[in-house]
């Protein structure tokens, strides 16, 4: 009788394990999927690091080119702003001259000031 109980216990344990491995929840499948994703991510990171090491010289050249082009753009912007400021200064000087010339002339004969209509 004790041998039958031990055998039944073993059979039940095997059955429970079999049922767990084929259960609907399949919790270990989720663990396997997480580990697979982690391995893929680790491999991708290693490949990325290798790519970055292999292209370091090119990256350095591209960065230097970007920085020099940014500086050229900033110089062009400063030049445009200086030109704009010079043009506005010249324009305001011309307007002052015109206003001074207009105000220096005598008023026409018989000119009467007109009040503003409002």
Protein backbone atom coordinates (compact mmCIF):
# COMPACT_ATOMS: atom_id res chain seq x y z
CA UNK A 1 0.00 0.00 0.00
CA UNK A 2 2.83 2.47 0.81
CA UNK A 3 4.41 1.71 -2.56
CA UNK A 4 1.14 2.46 -4.33
CA UNK A 5 0.79 5.79 -2.48
CA UNK A 6 4.36 6.75 -3.40
CA UNK A 7 3.71 5.77 -7.01
CA UNK A 8 0.45 7.76 -7.01
CA UNK A 9 2.31 10.78 -5.56
CA UNK A 10 4.95 10.53 -8.30
CA UNK A 11 2.32 10.13 -11.00
CA UNK A 12 0.40 13.11 -9.64
CA UNK A 13 3.58 15.24 -9.56
CA UNK A 14 4.44 14.27 -13.12
CA UNK A 15 0.87 15.00 -14.21
CA UNK A 16 0.85 18.38 -12.44
CA UNK A 17 4.16 19.27 -14.12
CA UNK A 18 2.87 18.12 -17.50
CA UNK A 19 -0.34 20.11 -17.01
CA UNK A 20 1.62 23.20 -15.92
CA UNK A 21 3.90 23.00 -18.94
CA UNK A 22 0.86 22.88 -21.22
CA UNK A 23 -1.31 25.28 -19.27
CA UNK A 24 -3.07 28.28 -20.77
CA UNK A 25 -0.98 30.76 -18.79
CA UNK A 26 2.39 29.52 -20.03
CA UNK A 27 4.23 31.82 -17.64
CA UNK A 28 7.63 30.47 -18.62
CA UNK A 29 6.95 31.31 -22.27
CA UNK A 30 6.73 34.96 -21.20
CA UNK A 31 10.05 34.58 -19.39
CA UNK A 32 11.60 33.00 -22.46
CA UNK A 33 10.26 35.85 -24.62
CA UNK A 34 11.67 38.48 -22.25
CA UNK A 35 15.05 36.76 -22.26
CA UNK A 36 14.98 36.47 -26.06
CA UNK A 37 14.26 40.21 -26.35
CA UNK A 38 17.07 40.98 -23.91
CA UNK A 39 19.50 38.86 -25.92
CA UNK A 40 18.42 40.57 -29.16
CA UNK A 41 18.79 44.00 -27.52
CA UNK A 42 22.23 43.06 -26.15
CA UNK A 43 23.33 41.85 -29.59
CA UNK A 44 21.98 45.04 -31.21
CA UNK A 45 23.85 47.15 -28.65
CA UNK A 46 27.09 45.29 -29.34
CA UNK A 47 26.60 45.77 -33.08
CA UNK A 48 25.86 49.46 -32.53
CA UNK A 49 29.02 49.91 -30.47
CA UNK A 50 31.08 48.16 -33.15
CA UNK A 51 29.53 50.37 -35.84
CA UNK A 52 30.24 53.51 -33.82
CA UNK A 53 33.87 52.46 -33.31
CA UNK A 54 34.26 51.67 -37.01
CA UNK A 55 32.81 55.01 -38.14
CA UNK A 56 34.39 57.26 -35.50
CA UNK A 57 36.68 59.00 -38.00
CA UNK A 58 33.82 59.70 -40.38
CA UNK A 59 31.67 60.96 -37.52
CA UNK A 60 34.47 63.32 -36.46
CA UNK A 61 34.77 64.67 -40.01
CA UNK A 62 31.00 65.14 -40.32
CA UNK A 63 30.82 66.92 -36.98
CA UNK A 64 33.66 69.26 -37.98
CA UNK A 65 31.86 69.95 -41.28
CA UNK A 66 28.57 70.67 -39.50
CA UNK A 67 30.29 73.03 -37.06
CA UNK A 68 32.12 74.88 -39.85
CA UNK A 69 28.89 75.23 -41.85
CA UNK A 70 27.09 76.50 -38.76
CA UNK A 71 29.84 79.10 -38.26
CA UNK A 72 29.58 80.10 -41.95
CA UNK A 73 25.81 80.47 -41.53
CA UNK A 74 26.29 82.59 -38.42
CA UNK A 75 28.80 84.81 -40.27
CA UNK A 76 26.33 85.23 -43.14
CA UNK A 77 23.56 86.12 -40.69
CA UNK A 78 25.79 88.68 -38.98
CA UNK A 79 26.67 90.16 -42.38
CA UNK A 80 23.01 90.42 -43.35
CA UNK A 81 22.17 92.09 -40.04
CA UNK A 82 25.06 94.57 -40.45
CA UNK A 83 23.93 95.35 -44.00
CA UNK A 84 20.34 95.81 -42.84
CA UNK A 85 21.47 98.12 -40.02
CA UNK A 86 23.59 100.15 -42.46
CA UNK A 87 20.71 100.42 -44.92
CA UNK A 88 18.28 101.52 -42.20
CA UNK A 89 20.79 104.09 -40.95
CA UNK A 90 21.29 105.46 -44.48
CA UNK A 91 17.53 105.48 -45.08
CA UNK A 92 16.84 107.35 -41.83
CA UNK A 93 19.59 109.86 -42.73
CA UNK A 94 18.02 110.41 -46.14
CA UNK A 95 14.58 110.87 -44.56
CA UNK A 96 16.01 113.41 -42.09
CA UNK A 97 17.62 115.32 -44.96
CA UNK A 98 14.36 115.35 -46.89
CA UNK A 99 12.36 116.43 -43.85
CA UNK A 100 14.91 119.17 -43.08
CA UNK A 101 14.84 120.38 -46.70
CA UNK A 102 11.03 120.37 -46.74
CA UNK A 103 10.75 122.19 -43.43
CA UNK A 104 13.41 124.74 -44.44
CA UNK A 105 11.37 125.92 -47.45
CA UNK A 106 8.97 128.80 -47.02
CA UNK A 107 5.25 128.06 -46.96
CA UNK A 108 3.36 128.72 -50.17
CA UNK A 109 1.76 132.14 -50.54
CA UNK A 110 -1.75 132.18 -49.09
CA UNK A 111 -1.29 128.92 -47.25
CA UNK A 112 -3.75 128.41 -44.42
CA UNK A 113 -3.46 125.67 -41.85
CA UNK A 114 -6.36 123.26 -41.97
CA UNK A 115 -7.59 121.68 -38.74
CA UNK A 116 -7.74 117.94 -38.53
CA UNK A 117 -11.25 116.74 -39.45
CA UNK A 118 -11.73 114.77 -36.25
